[in-house]
């Protein structure tokens, strides 16, 4: 029973990660020409990571209420593992 609940929760997180409509954070990773954009949810980032909690506190929203984080010092491959 507990295993099924945890599996469902993990699947829900994966769906949130792939949700292209309902996000409020854009994370740009890497440097041009190797730049990848990730769309995420601030509530998950804040509660799962002290780093993102601090970053999101210091960033203002744009006119669409989206916060943008630029991680030029992280490779796309590294961030794929992290996220």
N, C-alpha and C. Protein backbone atom coordinates (compact mmCIF):
# COMPACT_ATOMS: atom_id res chain seq x y z
N UNK A 1 0.82 -1.20 0.00
CA UNK A 1 0.00 0.00 0.00
C UNK A 1 0.87 1.26 0.00
N UNK A 2 1.83 1.33 0.93
CA UNK A 2 2.71 2.50 1.01
C UNK A 2 3.53 2.67 -0.25
N UNK A 3 3.98 1.57 -0.82
CA UNK A 3 4.78 1.62 -2.05
C UNK A 3 3.98 2.24 -3.19
N UNK A 4 2.71 1.89 -3.30
CA UNK A 4 1.86 2.44 -4.36
C UNK A 4 1.64 3.94 -4.17
N UNK A 5 1.51 4.38 -2.95
CA UNK A 5 1.34 5.81 -2.66
C UNK A 5 2.60 6.57 -3.05
N UNK A 6 3.75 6.05 -2.69
CA UNK A 6 5.02 6.70 -3.03
C UNK A 6 5.22 6.71 -4.54
N UNK A 7 4.89 5.62 -5.20
CA UNK A 7 5.01 5.55 -6.66
C UNK A 7 4.10 6.58 -7.33
N UNK A 8 2.89 6.73 -6.84
CA UNK A 8 1.95 7.72 -7.38
C UNK A 8 2.48 9.14 -7.17
N UNK A 9 3.02 9.40 -6.00
CA UNK A 9 3.59 10.71 -5.70
C UNK A 9 4.75 11.03 -6.64
N UNK A 10 5.63 10.08 -6.86
CA UNK A 10 6.75 10.27 -7.77
C UNK A 10 6.26 10.53 -9.20
N UNK A 11 5.25 9.81 -9.63
CA UNK A 11 4.69 10.04 -10.96
C UNK A 11 4.07 11.43 -11.07
N UNK A 12 3.44 11.89 -9.99
CA UNK A 12 2.87 13.24 -9.98
C UNK A 12 3.96 14.30 -10.11
N UNK A 13 5.09 14.10 -9.45
CA UNK A 13 6.22 15.02 -9.57
C UNK A 13 6.75 15.06 -11.01
N UNK A 14 6.83 13.91 -11.62
CA UNK A 14 7.30 13.84 -13.02
C UNK A 14 6.33 14.58 -13.93
N UNK A 15 5.04 14.42 -13.70
CA UNK A 15 4.06 15.15 -14.50
C UNK A 15 4.20 16.65 -14.32
N UNK A 16 4.44 17.10 -13.10
CA UNK A 16 4.64 18.53 -12.85
C UNK A 16 5.87 19.05 -13.59
N UNK A 17 6.91 18.26 -13.61
CA UNK A 17 8.13 18.65 -14.31
C UNK A 17 7.89 18.83 -15.80
N UNK A 18 7.03 18.01 -16.36
CA UNK A 18 6.74 18.06 -17.79
C UNK A 18 5.57 18.97 -18.16
N UNK A 19 4.95 19.60 -17.18
CA UNK A 19 3.80 20.46 -17.42
C UNK A 19 4.24 21.75 -18.11
N UNK A 20 3.84 21.93 -19.34
CA UNK A 20 4.22 23.11 -20.13
C UNK A 20 3.27 24.28 -19.95
N UNK A 21 2.17 24.10 -19.24
CA UNK A 21 1.17 25.16 -19.12
C UNK A 21 1.20 25.87 -17.77
N UNK A 22 1.34 25.13 -16.71
CA UNK A 22 1.18 25.72 -15.38
C UNK A 22 2.52 25.72 -14.64
N UNK A 23 3.34 26.73 -14.90
CA UNK A 23 4.64 26.86 -14.25
C UNK A 23 4.83 28.33 -13.88
N UNK A 24 5.72 28.60 -12.97
CA UNK A 24 5.99 29.99 -12.61
C UNK A 24 7.48 30.29 -12.44
N UNK A 25 8.32 29.36 -12.87
CA UNK A 25 9.76 29.58 -12.84
C UNK A 25 10.36 29.05 -14.13
N UNK A 26 11.25 29.84 -14.70
CA UNK A 26 12.05 29.42 -15.85
C UNK A 26 13.49 29.36 -15.39
N UNK A 27 14.16 28.23 -15.66
CA UNK A 27 15.55 28.06 -15.29
C UNK A 27 16.35 27.87 -16.58
N UNK A 28 17.22 28.82 -16.88
CA UNK A 28 18.09 28.72 -18.04
C UNK A 28 19.41 28.12 -17.59
N UNK A 29 19.79 27.00 -18.21
CA UNK A 29 20.98 26.26 -17.79
C UNK A 29 21.98 26.21 -18.94
N UNK A 30 23.26 26.41 -18.61
CA UNK A 30 24.32 26.35 -19.60
C UNK A 30 24.60 27.71 -20.20
N UNK A 31 25.42 27.68 -21.24
CA UNK A 31 25.81 28.91 -21.95
C UNK A 31 25.51 28.75 -23.43
N UNK A 32 25.24 29.87 -24.08
CA UNK A 32 25.00 29.86 -25.52
C UNK A 32 26.25 29.35 -26.21
N UNK A 33 26.19 28.45 -27.12
CA UNK A 33 25.05 27.91 -27.85
C UNK A 33 24.41 26.70 -27.18
N UNK A 34 24.97 26.22 -26.08
CA UNK A 34 24.41 25.07 -25.37
C UNK A 34 23.59 25.54 -24.18
N UNK A 35 22.40 26.04 -24.47
CA UNK A 35 21.50 26.58 -23.45
C UNK A 35 20.20 25.79 -23.48
N UNK A 36 19.73 25.39 -22.31
CA UNK A 36 18.45 24.67 -22.23
C UNK A 36 17.58 25.36 -21.19
N UNK A 37 16.30 25.47 -21.48
CA UNK A 37 15.35 26.10 -20.58
C UNK A 37 14.48 25.04 -19.93
N UNK A 38 14.38 25.13 -18.61
CA UNK A 38 13.52 24.24 -17.84
C UNK A 38 12.40 25.08 -17.25
N UNK A 39 11.20 24.54 -17.25
CA UNK A 39 10.06 25.20 -16.62
C UNK A 39 9.72 24.43 -15.36
N UNK A 40 9.49 25.16 -14.26
CA UNK A 40 9.30 24.49 -12.98
C UNK A 40 8.28 25.24 -12.12
N UNK A 41 8.03 24.69 -10.96
CA UNK A 41 7.06 25.24 -10.02
C UNK A 41 7.82 25.69 -8.76
N UNK A 42 7.64 26.93 -8.41
CA UNK A 42 8.40 27.49 -7.28
C UNK A 42 8.12 26.77 -5.98
N UNK A 43 6.89 26.35 -5.76
CA UNK A 43 6.56 25.69 -4.50
C UNK A 43 7.38 24.41 -4.32
N UNK A 44 7.57 23.65 -5.38
CA UNK A 44 8.37 22.43 -5.28
C UNK A 44 9.84 22.77 -5.10
N UNK A 45 10.34 23.72 -5.89
CA UNK A 45 11.75 24.11 -5.77
C UNK A 45 12.06 24.63 -4.37
N UNK A 46 11.19 25.47 -3.83
CA UNK A 46 11.43 26.04 -2.49
C UNK A 46 11.47 24.99 -1.41
N UNK A 47 10.57 24.04 -1.47
CA UNK A 47 10.49 23.05 -0.40
C UNK A 47 11.46 21.89 -0.56
N UNK A 48 12.02 21.72 -1.75
CA UNK A 48 12.97 20.63 -1.97
C UNK A 48 14.42 21.08 -1.97
N UNK A 49 14.65 22.42 -1.99
CA UNK A 49 16.03 22.89 -2.13
C UNK A 49 16.23 24.23 -1.43
N UNK A 50 17.16 24.25 -0.50
CA UNK A 50 17.51 25.50 0.18
C UNK A 50 18.10 26.50 -0.82
N UNK A 51 18.87 26.00 -1.78
CA UNK A 51 19.45 26.88 -2.80
C UNK A 51 18.36 27.62 -3.55
N UNK A 52 17.36 26.90 -4.06
CA UNK A 52 16.30 27.54 -4.83
C UNK A 52 15.41 28.41 -3.93
N UNK A 53 15.23 28.02 -2.69
CA UNK A 53 14.45 28.85 -1.76
C UNK A 53 15.11 30.23 -1.65
N UNK A 54 16.42 30.25 -1.49
CA UNK A 54 17.14 31.52 -1.38
C UNK A 54 17.12 32.29 -2.70
N UNK A 55 17.34 31.60 -3.81
CA UNK A 55 17.34 32.27 -5.12
C UNK A 55 15.99 32.89 -5.43
N UNK A 56 14.92 32.15 -5.20
CA UNK A 56 13.59 32.64 -5.54
C UNK A 56 13.16 33.82 -4.67
N UNK A 57 13.70 33.91 -3.48
CA UNK A 57 13.40 35.04 -2.60
C UNK A 57 13.96 36.33 -3.17
N UNK A 58 15.09 36.24 -3.87
CA UNK A 58 15.79 37.44 -4.36
C UNK A 58 15.46 37.82 -5.80
N UNK A 59 14.55 37.11 -6.45
CA UNK A 59 14.25 37.37 -7.85
C UNK A 59 12.83 37.93 -7.97
N UNK A 60 12.70 38.98 -8.75
CA UNK A 60 11.39 39.57 -8.99
C UNK A 60 10.68 38.86 -10.14
N UNK A 61 9.36 38.86 -10.09
CA UNK A 61 8.55 38.28 -11.16
C UNK A 61 8.47 39.24 -12.33
N UNK A 62 8.30 38.70 -13.53
CA UNK A 62 8.09 39.55 -14.69
C UNK A 62 6.60 39.88 -14.81
N UNK A 63 6.20 40.49 -15.92
CA UNK A 63 4.81 40.90 -16.09
C UNK A 63 3.83 39.72 -16.17
N UNK A 64 4.35 38.52 -16.42
CA UNK A 64 3.52 37.32 -16.45
C UNK A 64 3.63 36.51 -15.16
N UNK A 65 4.22 37.12 -14.13
CA UNK A 65 4.40 36.48 -12.82
C UNK A 65 5.33 35.28 -12.87
N UNK A 66 6.30 35.33 -13.79
CA UNK A 66 7.29 34.27 -13.94
C UNK A 66 8.63 34.76 -13.39
N UNK A 67 9.30 33.92 -12.62
CA UNK A 67 10.65 34.22 -12.15
C UNK A 67 11.63 33.45 -13.03
N UNK A 68 12.76 34.10 -13.36
CA UNK A 68 13.77 33.47 -14.20
C UNK A 68 15.08 33.34 -13.44
N UNK A 69 15.63 32.14 -13.46
CA UNK A 69 16.92 31.87 -12.83
C UNK A 69 17.89 31.46 -13.93
N UNK A 70 19.07 32.06 -13.95
CA UNK A 70 20.10 31.71 -14.92
C UNK A 70 21.22 30.96 -14.22
N UNK A 71 21.46 29.75 -14.67
CA UNK A 71 22.52 28.91 -14.09
C UNK A 71 23.57 28.65 -15.16
N UNK A 72 24.36 29.66 -15.45
CA UNK A 72 25.40 29.55 -16.48
C UNK A 72 26.54 28.62 -16.04
N UNK A 73 26.71 28.46 -14.74
CA UNK A 73 27.82 27.68 -14.20
C UNK A 73 27.51 26.18 -14.07
N UNK A 74 26.31 25.77 -14.50
CA UNK A 74 25.90 24.37 -14.39
C UNK A 74 25.69 23.82 -15.80
N UNK A 75 26.17 22.62 -16.04
CA UNK A 75 25.95 22.02 -17.36
C UNK A 75 24.53 21.47 -17.44
N UNK A 76 24.06 21.32 -18.66
CA UNK A 76 22.73 20.76 -18.88
C UNK A 76 22.65 19.34 -18.32
N UNK A 77 23.70 18.56 -18.52
CA UNK A 77 23.72 17.19 -18.04
C UNK A 77 23.64 17.15 -16.51
N UNK A 78 24.37 18.03 -15.84
CA UNK A 78 24.31 18.08 -14.38
C UNK A 78 22.92 18.46 -13.90
N UNK A 79 22.32 19.45 -14.54
CA UNK A 79 21.01 19.90 -14.09
C UNK A 79 19.93 18.86 -14.37
N UNK A 80 20.04 18.12 -15.45
CA UNK A 80 19.09 17.03 -15.72
C UNK A 80 19.08 16.04 -14.55
N UNK A 81 20.24 15.77 -13.99
CA UNK A 81 20.33 14.85 -12.85
C UNK A 81 19.74 15.50 -11.61
N UNK A 82 20.04 16.76 -11.38
CA UNK A 82 19.56 17.47 -10.20
C UNK A 82 18.06 17.58 -10.20
N UNK A 83 17.50 18.00 -11.32
CA UNK A 83 16.07 18.26 -11.37
C UNK A 83 15.29 16.96 -11.39
